[in-house]
Amino acid sequence: MKKILSLLISLLIFCINTGVVYALEVPAGTTVPVMLNNSINSDSLSDGDVVSIRVTEDVYIGKQKVFAKDTQGVAYVAKAEHTSHHGGAGMIAIKDGKIMDVNNKKHNVQIAISTKGKSKRPSSIFLSIIGVLIILIPFGCWRYGEPATVSQSQVFNSIVPAEFDL
């Protein structure tokens, strides 16, 4: 019995000295800074698409590192609207993702990425004045709006929520 206890104590001391972590709890509300690996554009995305993200700096809880810089993860496109003729702008919304901690355990994160492109729709006053003439004079108001884009250089704070399934 003494040998087993001695072995367990030695193993515990070894694990503490080598930095091996077994039970790592990441509390809800932990902020993890992330950025996109590539720029995205609303015209090339669809609802439910997966985009790659990475952690931009080490995240610690106390003195223990829980998320390492450059750890890869994924984010899910909640809504993507393409540009449309008649000048409709594109839109992107990303709300959820997953990243791995230093022990390779996946954690859900909430990300607030939302952007809208610029609309190029003619004003309603302009259309009402020109409304009658549109029948008589061909008018090229069928322009596309601008797509929504998110640069890969932008950093977003993601939040580890209370546990739930995506």
C-alpha atoms as a PDB file:
ATOM      1  CA  MET A   1       0.000   0.000   0.000  1.00  0.00           C
ATOM      2  CA  LYS A   2       2.853   2.374   0.838  1.00  0.00           C
ATOM      3  CA  LYS A   3       4.427   1.671  -2.548  1.00  0.00           C
ATOM      4  CA  ILE A   4       1.207   2.556  -4.384  1.00  0.00           C
ATOM      5  CA  LEU A   5       0.760   5.743  -2.357  1.00  0.00           C
ATOM      6  CA  SER A   6       4.401   6.666  -2.935  1.00  0.00           C
ATOM      7  CA  LEU A   7       4.003   6.013  -6.675  1.00  0.00           C
ATOM      8  CA  LEU A   8       0.850   8.152  -6.855  1.00  0.00           C
ATOM      9  CA  ILE A   9       2.523  11.035  -5.000  1.00  0.00           C
ATOM     10  CA  SER A  10       5.562  10.808  -7.302  1.00  0.00           C
ATOM     11  CA  LEU A  11       3.309  10.801 -10.364  1.00  0.00           C
ATOM     12  CA  LEU A  12       1.388  13.823  -9.042  1.00  0.00           C
ATOM     13  CA  ILE A  13       4.609  15.762  -8.404  1.00  0.00           C
ATOM     14  CA  PHE A  14       5.867  14.828 -11.886  1.00  0.00           C
ATOM     15  CA  CYS A  15       2.645  16.032 -13.514  1.00  0.00           C
ATOM     16  CA  ILE A  16       2.710  19.321 -11.597  1.00  0.00           C
ATOM     17  CA  ASN A  17       6.363  19.960 -12.491  1.00  0.00           C
ATOM     18  CA  THR A  18       5.933  19.120 -16.194  1.00  0.00           C
ATOM     19  CA  GLY A  19       2.809  21.239 -16.587  1.00  0.00           C
ATOM     20  CA  VAL A  20       0.506  18.360 -17.527  1.00  0.00           C
ATOM     21  CA  VAL A  21      -3.080  19.485 -16.975  1.00  0.00           C
ATOM     22  CA  TYR A  22      -5.858  16.951 -16.562  1.00  0.00           C
ATOM     23  CA  ALA A  23      -9.022  18.731 -15.532  1.00  0.00           C
ATOM     24  CA  LEU A  24      -9.172  22.189 -17.032  1.00  0.00           C
ATOM     25  CA  GLU A  25     -12.395  24.085 -16.489  1.00  0.00           C
ATOM     26  CA  VAL A  26     -13.046  27.129 -18.662  1.00  0.00           C
ATOM     27  CA  PRO A  27     -15.643  29.275 -16.918  1.00  0.00           C
ATOM     28  CA  ALA A  28     -18.575  30.725 -18.822  1.00  0.00           C
ATOM     29  CA  GLY A  29     -17.874  34.313 -19.815  1.00  0.00           C
ATOM     30  CA  THR A  30     -14.189  33.758 -20.592  1.00  0.00           C
ATOM     31  CA  THR A  31     -13.213  36.138 -23.402  1.00  0.00           C
ATOM     32  CA  VAL A  32     -11.146  34.669 -26.248  1.00  0.00           C
ATOM     33  CA  PRO A  33      -9.886  37.111 -28.936  1.00  0.00           C
ATOM     34  CA  VAL A  34     -10.207  35.586 -32.415  1.00  0.00           C
ATOM     35  CA  MET A  35      -9.791  36.686 -36.010  1.00  0.00           C
ATOM     36  CA  LEU A  36     -10.722  35.223 -39.371  1.00  0.00           C
ATOM     37  CA  ASN A  37      -8.010  33.320 -41.246  1.00  0.00           C
ATOM     38  CA  ASN A  38      -9.248  34.800 -44.530  1.00  0.00           C
ATOM     39  CA  SER A  39     -11.326  37.791 -45.538  1.00  0.00           C
ATOM     40  CA  ILE A  40     -14.934  36.884 -46.306  1.00  0.00           C
ATOM     41  CA  ASN A  41     -17.504  38.323 -48.699  1.00  0.00           C
ATOM     42  CA  SER A  42     -21.290  37.984 -48.488  1.00  0.00           C
ATOM     43  CA  ASP A  43     -21.567  37.081 -52.191  1.00  0.00           C
ATOM     44  CA  SER A  44     -19.455  33.942 -51.691  1.00  0.00           C
ATOM     45  CA  LEU A  45     -21.143  32.730 -48.468  1.00  0.00           C
ATOM     46  CA  SER A  46     -24.370  30.926 -47.666  1.00  0.00           C
ATOM     47  CA  ASP A  47     -26.234  30.360 -44.400  1.00  0.00           C
ATOM     48  CA  GLY A  48     -24.540  27.570 -42.437  1.00  0.00           C
ATOM     49  CA  ASP A  49     -21.127  27.872 -44.125  1.00  0.00           C
ATOM     50  CA  VAL A  50     -18.055  27.273 -41.982  1.00  0.00           C
ATOM     51  CA  VAL A  51     -15.216  29.825 -41.896  1.00  0.00           C
ATOM     52  CA  SER A  52     -11.866  29.317 -40.193  1.00  0.00           C
ATOM     53  CA  ILE A  53     -10.776  31.421 -37.230  1.00  0.00           C
ATOM     54  CA  ARG A  54      -7.737  31.521 -34.954  1.00  0.00           C
ATOM     55  CA  VAL A  55      -6.969  32.727 -31.444  1.00  0.00           C
ATOM     56  CA  THR A  56      -4.967  35.978 -31.579  1.00  0.00           C
ATOM     57  CA  GLU A  57      -3.316  35.842 -28.144  1.00  0.00           C
ATOM     58  CA  ASP A  58      -2.801  33.403 -25.279  1.00  0.00           C
ATOM     59  CA  VAL A  59      -5.702  33.261 -22.816  1.00  0.00           C
ATOM     60  CA  TYR A  60      -5.036  32.462 -19.167  1.00  0.00           C
ATOM     61  CA  ILE A  61      -7.257  31.564 -16.231  1.00  0.00           C
ATOM     62  CA  GLY A  62      -5.167  32.436 -13.227  1.00  0.00           C
ATOM     63  CA  LYS A  63      -1.669  31.317 -14.197  1.00  0.00           C
ATOM     64  CA  GLN A  64      -2.856  28.431 -16.377  1.00  0.00           C
ATOM     65  CA  LYS A  65      -2.899  28.897 -20.150  1.00  0.00           C
ATOM     66  CA  VAL A  66      -6.207  27.607 -21.525  1.00  0.00           C
ATOM     67  CA  PHE A  67      -6.157  28.831 -25.141  1.00  0.00           C
ATOM     68  CA  ALA A  68      -2.879  29.182 -27.029  1.00  0.00           C
ATOM     69  CA  LYS A  69      -2.189  31.894 -29.597  1.00  0.00           C
ATOM     70  CA  ASP A  70      -2.757  30.751 -33.220  1.00  0.00           C
ATOM     71  CA  THR A  71      -4.990  27.846 -32.171  1.00  0.00           C
ATOM     72  CA  GLN A  72      -7.324  27.153 -35.100  1.00  0.00           C
ATOM     73  CA  GLY A  73     -11.096  27.004 -34.819  1.00  0.00           C
ATOM     74  CA  VAL A  74     -14.256  27.352 -36.862  1.00  0.00           C
ATOM     75  CA  ALA A  75     -17.145  29.820 -36.950  1.00  0.00           C
ATOM     76  CA  TYR A  76     -20.572  29.277 -38.478  1.00  0.00           C
ATOM     77  CA  VAL A  77     -22.308  31.737 -40.793  1.00  0.00           C
ATOM     78  CA  ALA A  78     -25.734  32.364 -39.276  1.00  0.00           C
ATOM     79  CA  LYS A  79     -26.954  34.523 -42.158  1.00  0.00           C
ATOM     80  CA  ALA A  80     -25.505  35.627 -45.468  1.00  0.00           C
ATOM     81  CA  GLU A  81     -27.402  37.806 -47.931  1.00  0.00           C
ATOM     82  CA  HIS A  82     -25.998  38.276 -51.404  1.00  0.00           C
ATOM     83  CA  THR A  83     -26.137  41.590 -53.198  1.00  0.00           C
ATOM     84  CA  SER A  84     -29.149  41.933 -55.449  1.00  0.00           C
ATOM     85  CA  HIS A  85     -30.070  43.918 -58.499  1.00  0.00           C
ATOM     86  CA  HIS A  86     -32.113  46.938 -57.630  1.00  0.00           C
ATOM     87  CA  GLY A  87     -29.152  47.953 -55.437  1.00  0.00           C
ATOM     88  CA  GLY A  88     -29.682  45.622 -52.453  1.00  0.00           C
ATOM     89  CA  ALA A  89     -26.645  45.410 -50.143  1.00  0.00           C
ATOM     90  CA  GLY A  90     -25.026  42.191 -48.946  1.00  0.00           C
ATOM     91  CA  MET A  91     -25.002  41.138 -45.269  1.00  0.00           C
ATOM     92  CA  ILE A  92     -23.025  38.705 -43.083  1.00  0.00           C
ATOM     93  CA  ALA A  93     -23.819  37.521 -39.530  1.00  0.00           C
ATOM     94  CA  ILE A  94     -21.641  35.061 -37.616  1.00  0.00           C
ATOM     95  CA  LYS A  95     -22.693  34.122 -34.080  1.00  0.00           C
ATOM     96  CA  ASP A  96     -21.208  30.782 -33.023  1.00  0.00           C
ATOM     97  CA  GLY A  97     -17.956  28.880 -33.309  1.00  0.00           C
ATOM     98  CA  LYS A  98     -15.696  26.264 -31.746  1.00  0.00           C
ATOM     99  CA  ILE A  99     -12.080  26.397 -30.605  1.00  0.00           C
ATOM    100  CA  MET A 100      -9.795  23.919 -28.832  1.00  0.00           C
ATOM    101  CA  ASP A 101      -8.152  24.530 -25.486  1.00  0.00           C
ATOM    102  CA  VAL A 102      -4.569  23.471 -24.668  1.00  0.00           C
ATOM    103  CA  ASN A 103      -5.851  19.973 -23.790  1.00  0.00           C
ATOM    104  CA  ASN A 104      -7.538  19.612 -27.220  1.00  0.00           C
ATOM    105  CA  LYS A 105     -11.037  19.870 -25.758  1.00  0.00           C
ATOM    106  CA  LYS A 106     -13.510  21.694 -28.009  1.00  0.00           C
ATOM    107  CA  HIS A 107     -15.300  24.705 -26.554  1.00  0.00           C
ATOM    108  CA  ASN A 108     -18.285  26.504 -28.009  1.00  0.00           C
ATOM    109  CA  VAL A 109     -17.800  30.255 -28.341  1.00  0.00           C
ATOM    110  CA  GLN A 110     -20.190  33.060 -29.167  1.00  0.00           C
ATOM    111  CA  ILE A 111     -18.870  35.547 -31.709  1.00  0.00           C
ATOM    112  CA  ALA A 112     -20.577  38.788 -32.691  1.00  0.00           C
ATOM    113  CA  ILE A 113     -19.609  39.468 -36.296  1.00  0.00           C
ATOM    114  CA  SER A 114     -22.222  41.376 -38.241  1.00  0.00           C
ATOM    115  CA  THR A 115     -21.705  43.683 -41.186  1.00  0.00           C
ATOM    116  CA  LYS A 116     -23.718  45.053 -44.079  1.00  0.00           C
ATOM    117  CA  GLY A 117     -22.547  46.378 -47.436  1.00  0.00           C
ATOM    118  CA  LYS A 118     -23.601  49.680 -48.951  1.00  0.00           C
ATOM    119  CA  SER A 119     -26.959  49.874 -50.682  1.00  0.00           C
ATOM    120  CA  LYS A 120     -27.120  51.482 -54.111  1.00  0.00           C
ATOM    121  CA  ARG A 121     -30.879  51.658 -54.357  1.00  0.00           C
ATOM    122  CA  PRO A 122     -32.302  54.818 -55.853  1.00  0.00           C
ATOM    123  CA  SER A 123     -34.292  56.858 -53.350  1.00  0.00           C
ATOM    124  CA  SER A 124     -38.076  56.519 -53.265  1.00  0.00           C
ATOM    125  CA  ILE A 125     -38.493  60.223 -54.085  1.00  0.00           C
ATOM    126  CA  PHE A 126     -36.313  59.777 -57.157  1.00  0.00           C
ATOM    127  CA  LEU A 127     -38.334  56.734 -58.215  1.00  0.00           C
ATOM    128  CA  SER A 128     -41.672  58.481 -57.757  1.00  0.00           C
ATOM    129  CA  ILE A 129     -40.557  61.473 -59.862  1.00  0.00           C
ATOM    130  CA  ILE A 130     -39.132  59.215 -62.540  1.00  0.00           C
ATOM    131  CA  GLY A 131     -41.914  56.620 -62.220  1.00  0.00           C
ATOM    132  CA  VAL A 132     -43.837  57.779 -65.288  1.00  0.00           C
ATOM    133  CA  LEU A 133     -40.731  58.343 -67.395  1.00  0.00           C
ATOM    134  CA  ILE A 134     -39.433  54.836 -66.715  1.00  0.00           C
ATOM    135  CA  ILE A 135     -42.048  53.549 -69.140  1.00  0.00           C
ATOM    136  CA  LEU A 136     -40.968  56.005 -71.819  1.00  0.00           C
ATOM    137  CA  ILE A 137     -37.203  56.165 -71.331  1.00  0.00           C
ATOM    138  CA  PRO A 138     -35.030  53.099 -70.711  1.00  0.00           C
ATOM    139  CA  PHE A 139     -33.352  53.677 -67.382  1.00  0.00           C
ATOM    140  CA  GLY A 140     -30.551  51.544 -65.962  1.00  0.00           C
ATOM    141  CA  CYS A 141     -31.387  51.509 -62.265  1.00  0.00           C
ATOM    142  CA  TRP A 142     -30.671  47.779 -62.020  1.00  0.00           C
ATOM    143  CA  ARG A 143     -27.394  48.210 -60.206  1.00  0.00           C
ATOM    144  CA  TYR A 144     -26.031  45.821 -57.659  1.00  0.00           C
ATOM    145  CA  GLY A 145     -25.333  46.987 -54.098  1.00  0.00           C
ATOM    146  CA  GLU A 146     -21.987  46.380 -52.460  1.00  0.00           C
ATOM    147  CA  PRO A 147     -21.287  43.064 -50.735  1.00  0.00           C
ATOM    148  CA  ALA A 148     -20.590  42.903 -47.012  1.00  0.00           C
ATOM    149  CA  THR A 149     -16.957  42.045 -46.289  1.00  0.00           C
ATOM    150  CA  VAL A 150     -14.975  41.250 -43.164  1.00  0.00           C
ATOM    151  CA  SER A 151     -11.216  41.674 -43.281  1.00  0.00           C
ATOM    152  CA  GLN A 152      -9.013  38.992 -41.790  1.00  0.00           C
ATOM    153  CA  SER A 153      -7.126  41.694 -39.866  1.00  0.00           C
ATOM    154  CA  GLN A 154     -10.112  42.520 -37.627  1.00  0.00           C
ATOM    155  CA  VAL A 155     -10.013  41.017 -34.099  1.00  0.00           C
ATOM    156  CA  PHE A 156     -13.284  39.982 -32.436  1.00  0.00           C
ATOM    157  CA  ASN A 157     -13.899  38.956 -28.843  1.00  0.00           C
ATOM    158  CA  SER A 158     -15.584  35.601 -28.569  1.00  0.00           C
ATOM    159  CA  ILE A 159     -17.189  34.497 -25.317  1.00  0.00           C
ATOM    160  CA  VAL A 160     -17.264  30.986 -23.861  1.00  0.00           C
ATOM    161  CA  PRO A 161     -20.967  30.560 -22.960  1.00  0.00           C
ATOM    162  CA  ALA A 162     -22.535  28.273 -20.390  1.00  0.00           C
ATOM    163  CA  GLU A 163     -22.425  24.770 -21.863  1.00  0.00           C
ATOM    164  CA  PHE A 164     -24.904  24.067 -24.635  1.00  0.00           C
ATOM    165  CA  ASP A 165     -24.940  22.070 -27.860  1.00  0.00           C
ATOM    166  CA  LEU A 166     -24.684  23.781 -31.216  1.00  0.00           C
END
